[in-house]
Amino acid sequence: TNPVMDVEPEDIIPYCKSGKFAHMKIYEVPELLCKMRDYSGNALTRIAMELLALTFVRTGELIQARWSEIDWENNAWLIPEEHMKMKRPHIVPLSTQATALLERLHSISDESGWLFPDYRGKQGTMSKNTILCALERMGYHKRMTGHGWRYIASTYLRSKGYDKFMVELQ
């Protein structure tokens, strides 16, 4: 027998009980994706929202990302442990769509090294509230958060029979 197959996610990734973030039902996602694509606010905010939908990382992980973490050759984002909730490094595979967004973002990003610098001219990164406020302006107040993508992805993938362990690793 293979001992790896007998391991549960909580044996590797400690379980943390937390409250649910506002999230939508899967059937509501297409409308939100269209609204995000047509979002007339700042381009950095629109790209941040789209990357959350494609990667289902935490909002804090996204806005703290640096260009040095993007492995263009392997289409991967290597998140260092200090940016992760569980303090472990994490690899996010990047789809063709995510890579295309990152290429667009790279062409409009400043020289700070951040993917999402504070576009108001302050030092540091975009505020965590930027994405939440954008969702609210699009009519999703208390219905969706940036973190809600994680819940939607996990619920949907598990409902389609994807292994719980693999979903947790993603």
C-alpha atoms as a PDB file:
ATOM      1  CA  THR A   1       0.000   0.000   0.000  1.00  0.00           C
ATOM      2  CA  ASN A   2       1.013   3.584  -0.543  1.00  0.00           C
ATOM      3  CA  PRO A   3       1.089   5.433   2.807  1.00  0.00           C
ATOM      4  CA  VAL A   4       0.656   8.789   1.069  1.00  0.00           C
ATOM      5  CA  MET A   5      -2.815   7.812  -0.114  1.00  0.00           C
ATOM      6  CA  ASP A   6      -3.888   7.126   3.483  1.00  0.00           C
ATOM      7  CA  VAL A   7      -3.048  10.661   4.623  1.00  0.00           C
ATOM      8  CA  GLU A   8      -5.851  13.110   5.324  1.00  0.00           C
ATOM      9  CA  PRO A   9      -5.430  16.829   4.491  1.00  0.00           C
ATOM     10  CA  GLU A  10      -5.622  17.796   8.166  1.00  0.00           C
ATOM     11  CA  ASP A  11      -2.602  15.542   8.824  1.00  0.00           C
ATOM     12  CA  ILE A  12      -0.547  17.866   6.632  1.00  0.00           C
ATOM     13  CA  ILE A  13      -2.529  21.094   6.673  1.00  0.00           C
ATOM     14  CA  PRO A  14      -3.914  21.901  10.134  1.00  0.00           C
ATOM     15  CA  TYR A  15      -7.646  22.555  10.190  1.00  0.00           C
ATOM     16  CA  CYS A  16      -8.638  26.067  11.184  1.00  0.00           C
ATOM     17  CA  LYS A  17     -12.247  26.742  11.964  1.00  0.00           C
ATOM     18  CA  SER A  18     -13.294  30.176  10.824  1.00  0.00           C
ATOM     19  CA  GLY A  19     -16.387  32.055   9.837  1.00  0.00           C
ATOM     20  CA  LYS A  20     -17.630  31.975   6.285  1.00  0.00           C
ATOM     21  CA  PHE A  21     -16.949  34.928   4.060  1.00  0.00           C
ATOM     22  CA  ALA A  22     -19.754  36.252   1.900  1.00  0.00           C
ATOM     23  CA  HIS A  23     -19.910  34.212  -1.267  1.00  0.00           C
ATOM     24  CA  MET A  24     -22.265  33.576  -4.135  1.00  0.00           C
ATOM     25  CA  LYS A  25     -23.854  30.440  -5.489  1.00  0.00           C
ATOM     26  CA  ILE A  26     -22.112  28.850  -8.463  1.00  0.00           C
ATOM     27  CA  TYR A  27     -24.989  29.715 -10.818  1.00  0.00           C
ATOM     28  CA  GLU A  28     -24.455  33.432 -10.020  1.00  0.00           C
ATOM     29  CA  VAL A  29     -20.779  33.391 -11.016  1.00  0.00           C
ATOM     30  CA  PRO A  30     -21.172  34.001 -14.792  1.00  0.00           C
ATOM     31  CA  GLU A  31     -22.971  37.301 -14.172  1.00  0.00           C
ATOM     32  CA  LEU A  32     -20.276  38.431 -11.734  1.00  0.00           C
ATOM     33  CA  LEU A  33     -17.509  37.484 -14.171  1.00  0.00           C
ATOM     34  CA  CYS A  34     -19.164  39.632 -16.856  1.00  0.00           C
ATOM     35  CA  LYS A  35     -19.467  42.550 -14.439  1.00  0.00           C
ATOM     36  CA  MET A  36     -15.824  42.169 -13.432  1.00  0.00           C
ATOM     37  CA  ARG A  37     -14.720  42.155 -17.067  1.00  0.00           C
ATOM     38  CA  ASP A  38     -16.709  45.358 -17.679  1.00  0.00           C
ATOM     39  CA  TYR A  39     -15.614  47.023 -14.412  1.00  0.00           C
ATOM     40  CA  SER A  40     -14.863  50.665 -15.184  1.00  0.00           C
ATOM     41  CA  GLY A  41     -12.720  51.345 -12.134  1.00  0.00           C
ATOM     42  CA  ASN A  42      -8.953  51.061 -11.856  1.00  0.00           C
ATOM     43  CA  ALA A  43      -7.391  48.389 -14.102  1.00  0.00           C
ATOM     44  CA  LEU A  44      -5.303  47.044 -11.202  1.00  0.00           C
ATOM     45  CA  THR A  45      -8.485  46.406  -9.211  1.00  0.00           C
ATOM     46  CA  ARG A  46     -10.167  44.637 -12.135  1.00  0.00           C
ATOM     47  CA  ILE A  47      -7.145  42.393 -12.685  1.00  0.00           C
ATOM     48  CA  ALA A  48      -6.922  41.638  -8.952  1.00  0.00           C
ATOM     49  CA  MET A  49     -10.567  40.523  -8.912  1.00  0.00           C
ATOM     50  CA  GLU A  50     -10.051  38.351 -11.970  1.00  0.00           C
ATOM     51  CA  LEU A  51      -6.914  36.737 -10.532  1.00  0.00           C
ATOM     52  CA  LEU A  52      -8.776  35.884  -7.328  1.00  0.00           C
ATOM     53  CA  ALA A  53     -11.407  34.120  -9.427  1.00  0.00           C
ATOM     54  CA  LEU A  54      -8.751  32.160 -11.325  1.00  0.00           C
ATOM     55  CA  THR A  55      -6.434  31.231  -8.449  1.00  0.00           C
ATOM     56  CA  PHE A  56      -8.683  31.262  -5.343  1.00  0.00           C
ATOM     57  CA  VAL A  57      -5.881  32.539  -3.144  1.00  0.00           C
ATOM     58  CA  ARG A  58      -6.596  34.740  -0.143  1.00  0.00           C
ATOM     59  CA  THR A  59      -6.896  38.460  -0.849  1.00  0.00           C
ATOM     60  CA  GLY A  60      -3.913  39.202   1.396  1.00  0.00           C
ATOM     61  CA  GLU A  61      -1.748  36.699  -0.477  1.00  0.00           C
ATOM     62  CA  LEU A  62      -2.675  38.315  -3.774  1.00  0.00           C
ATOM     63  CA  ILE A  63      -2.031  41.921  -2.828  1.00  0.00           C
ATOM     64  CA  GLN A  64       1.280  41.057  -1.124  1.00  0.00           C
ATOM     65  CA  ALA A  65       2.562  39.275  -4.240  1.00  0.00           C
ATOM     66  CA  ARG A  66       5.840  40.410  -5.787  1.00  0.00           C
ATOM     67  CA  TRP A  67       6.988  39.935  -9.346  1.00  0.00           C
ATOM     68  CA  SER A  68       9.923  37.885  -8.073  1.00  0.00           C
ATOM     69  CA  GLU A  69       7.416  35.188  -6.979  1.00  0.00           C
ATOM     70  CA  ILE A  70       6.152  34.594 -10.523  1.00  0.00           C
ATOM     71  CA  ASP A  71       7.863  31.697 -12.282  1.00  0.00           C
ATOM     72  CA  TRP A  72       7.105  32.549 -15.907  1.00  0.00           C
ATOM     73  CA  GLU A  73       8.944  29.515 -17.256  1.00  0.00           C
ATOM     74  CA  ASN A  74       6.807  27.048 -15.280  1.00  0.00           C
ATOM     75  CA  ASN A  75       3.572  29.085 -15.182  1.00  0.00           C
ATOM     76  CA  ALA A  76       3.553  29.091 -11.406  1.00  0.00           C
ATOM     77  CA  TRP A  77       3.306  31.554  -8.572  1.00  0.00           C
ATOM     78  CA  LEU A  78       5.584  30.659  -5.661  1.00  0.00           C
ATOM     79  CA  ILE A  79       4.083  32.223  -2.546  1.00  0.00           C
ATOM     80  CA  PRO A  80       6.615  32.418   0.288  1.00  0.00           C
ATOM     81  CA  GLU A  81       5.700  31.074   3.710  1.00  0.00           C
ATOM     82  CA  GLU A  82       5.614  34.524   5.320  1.00  0.00           C
ATOM     83  CA  HIS A  83       2.620  35.453   3.133  1.00  0.00           C
ATOM     84  CA  MET A  84       0.703  32.253   3.848  1.00  0.00           C
ATOM     85  CA  LYS A  85      -1.836  31.819   6.653  1.00  0.00           C
ATOM     86  CA  MET A  86      -0.314  28.449   7.638  1.00  0.00           C
ATOM     87  CA  LYS A  87       3.260  29.758   7.294  1.00  0.00           C
ATOM     88  CA  ARG A  88       4.192  27.230   4.594  1.00  0.00           C
ATOM     89  CA  PRO A  89       5.330  28.064   1.062  1.00  0.00           C
ATOM     90  CA  HIS A  90       2.681  27.445  -1.571  1.00  0.00           C
ATOM     91  CA  ILE A  91       2.759  26.883  -5.327  1.00  0.00           C
ATOM     92  CA  VAL A  92      -0.155  28.198  -7.367  1.00  0.00           C
ATOM     93  CA  PRO A  93      -0.342  26.782 -10.905  1.00  0.00           C
ATOM     94  CA  LEU A  94      -1.173  29.547 -13.366  1.00  0.00           C
ATOM     95  CA  SER A  95      -3.665  28.907 -16.140  1.00  0.00           C
ATOM     96  CA  THR A  96      -3.264  30.451 -19.573  1.00  0.00           C
ATOM     97  CA  GLN A  97      -5.841  33.064 -18.565  1.00  0.00           C
ATOM     98  CA  ALA A  98      -4.009  33.922 -15.320  1.00  0.00           C
ATOM     99  CA  THR A  99      -0.698  34.205 -17.164  1.00  0.00           C
ATOM    100  CA  ALA A 100      -2.284  36.538 -19.730  1.00  0.00           C
ATOM    101  CA  LEU A 101      -3.647  38.734 -16.917  1.00  0.00           C
ATOM    102  CA  LEU A 102      -0.224  38.831 -15.283  1.00  0.00           C
ATOM    103  CA  GLU A 103       1.374  39.862 -18.579  1.00  0.00           C
ATOM    104  CA  ARG A 104      -1.148  42.701 -18.911  1.00  0.00           C
ATOM    105  CA  LEU A 105      -0.593  43.670 -15.285  1.00  0.00           C
ATOM    106  CA  HIS A 106       3.174  43.682 -15.778  1.00  0.00           C
ATOM    107  CA  SER A 107       2.782  46.177 -18.627  1.00  0.00           C
ATOM    108  CA  ILE A 108       0.875  48.666 -16.414  1.00  0.00           C
ATOM    109  CA  SER A 109       2.490  48.003 -13.022  1.00  0.00           C
ATOM    110  CA  ASP A 110       5.024  50.372 -11.523  1.00  0.00           C
ATOM    111  CA  GLU A 111       8.632  49.598 -10.621  1.00  0.00           C
ATOM    112  CA  SER A 112       7.952  48.877  -6.916  1.00  0.00           C
ATOM    113  CA  GLY A 113       8.178  45.106  -7.334  1.00  0.00           C
ATOM    114  CA  TRP A 114       4.596  44.571  -6.136  1.00  0.00           C
ATOM    115  CA  LEU A 115       2.003  43.102  -8.487  1.00  0.00           C
ATOM    116  CA  PHE A 116      -0.569  45.411  -6.919  1.00  0.00           C
ATOM    117  CA  PRO A 117       1.113  48.578  -5.673  1.00  0.00           C
ATOM    118  CA  ASP A 118      -0.965  51.253  -4.000  1.00  0.00           C
ATOM    119  CA  TYR A 119      -2.035  53.214  -7.068  1.00  0.00           C
ATOM    120  CA  ARG A 120      -2.780  56.335  -5.001  1.00  0.00           C
ATOM    121  CA  GLY A 121       0.942  57.001  -4.797  1.00  0.00           C
ATOM    122  CA  LYS A 122       1.492  55.730  -1.272  1.00  0.00           C
ATOM    123  CA  GLN A 123       4.173  53.201  -0.501  1.00  0.00           C
ATOM    124  CA  GLY A 124       3.117  49.576  -0.155  1.00  0.00           C
ATOM    125  CA  THR A 125       0.349  47.595  -1.727  1.00  0.00           C
ATOM    126  CA  MET A 126      -3.261  47.945  -2.695  1.00  0.00           C
ATOM    127  CA  SER A 127      -5.583  47.892   0.310  1.00  0.00           C
ATOM    128  CA  LYS A 128      -7.441  44.676   1.121  1.00  0.00           C
ATOM    129  CA  ASN A 129     -10.610  46.773   1.067  1.00  0.00           C
ATOM    130  CA  THR A 130     -10.101  47.853  -2.557  1.00  0.00           C
ATOM    131  CA  ILE A 131     -11.514  44.600  -3.920  1.00  0.00           C
ATOM    132  CA  LEU A 132     -14.338  44.517  -1.385  1.00  0.00           C
ATOM    133  CA  CYS A 133     -15.324  48.091  -2.263  1.00  0.00           C
ATOM    134  CA  ALA A 134     -15.237  47.293  -5.991  1.00  0.00           C
ATOM    135  CA  LEU A 135     -17.546  44.311  -5.436  1.00  0.00           C
ATOM    136  CA  GLU A 136     -19.876  46.540  -3.425  1.00  0.00           C
ATOM    137  CA  ARG A 137     -19.943  49.143  -6.235  1.00  0.00           C
ATOM    138  CA  MET A 138     -20.912  46.353  -8.641  1.00  0.00           C
ATOM    139  CA  GLY A 139     -23.925  45.494  -6.458  1.00  0.00           C
ATOM    140  CA  TYR A 140     -22.523  42.625  -4.371  1.00  0.00           C
ATOM    141  CA  HIS A 141     -22.546  44.252  -0.930  1.00  0.00           C
ATOM    142  CA  LYS A 142     -22.623  41.494   1.701  1.00  0.00           C
ATOM    143  CA  ARG A 143     -23.078  38.942  -1.120  1.00  0.00           C
ATOM    144  CA  MET A 144     -19.475  38.433  -2.208  1.00  0.00           C
ATOM    145  CA  THR A 145     -15.938  39.086  -0.998  1.00  0.00           C
ATOM    146  CA  GLY A 146     -12.546  38.431  -2.541  1.00  0.00           C
ATOM    147  CA  HIS A 147     -12.168  35.539  -0.128  1.00  0.00           C
ATOM    148  CA  GLY A 148     -15.530  34.166  -1.292  1.00  0.00           C
ATOM    149  CA  TRP A 149     -13.815  32.707  -4.371  1.00  0.00           C
ATOM    150  CA  ARG A 150     -12.039  30.188  -2.134  1.00  0.00           C
ATOM    151  CA  TYR A 151     -15.341  28.958  -0.751  1.00  0.00           C
ATOM    152  CA  ILE A 152     -16.987  28.797  -4.186  1.00  0.00           C
ATOM    153  CA  ALA A 153     -14.060  26.873  -5.685  1.00  0.00           C
ATOM    154  CA  SER A 154     -13.813  24.399  -2.813  1.00  0.00           C
ATOM    155  CA  THR A 155     -17.545  23.722  -2.714  1.00  0.00           C
ATOM    156  CA  TYR A 156     -17.836  23.343  -6.477  1.00  0.00           C
ATOM    157  CA  LEU A 157     -14.785  21.107  -6.905  1.00  0.00           C
ATOM    158  CA  ARG A 158     -15.872  18.817  -4.075  1.00  0.00           C
ATOM    159  CA  SER A 159     -19.396  18.605  -5.507  1.00  0.00           C
ATOM    160  CA  LYS A 160     -17.853  17.431  -8.789  1.00  0.00           C
ATOM    161  CA  GLY A 161     -16.037  14.597  -7.047  1.00  0.00           C
ATOM    162  CA  TYR A 162     -12.555  16.072  -6.819  1.00  0.00           C
ATOM    163  CA  ASP A 163     -10.579  14.558  -3.992  1.00  0.00           C
ATOM    164  CA  LYS A 164     -10.825  16.537  -0.751  1.00  0.00           C
ATOM    165  CA  PHE A 165      -7.065  16.275  -0.272  1.00  0.00           C
ATOM    166  CA  MET A 166      -6.309  17.748  -3.708  1.00  0.00           C
ATOM    167  CA  VAL A 167      -8.806  20.575  -3.251  1.00  0.00           C
ATOM    168  CA  GLU A 168      -7.202  21.461   0.101  1.00  0.00           C
ATOM    169  CA  LEU A 169      -3.742  21.449  -1.453  1.00  0.00           C
ATOM    170  CA  GLN A 170      -4.874  23.928  -4.088  1.00  0.00           C
END
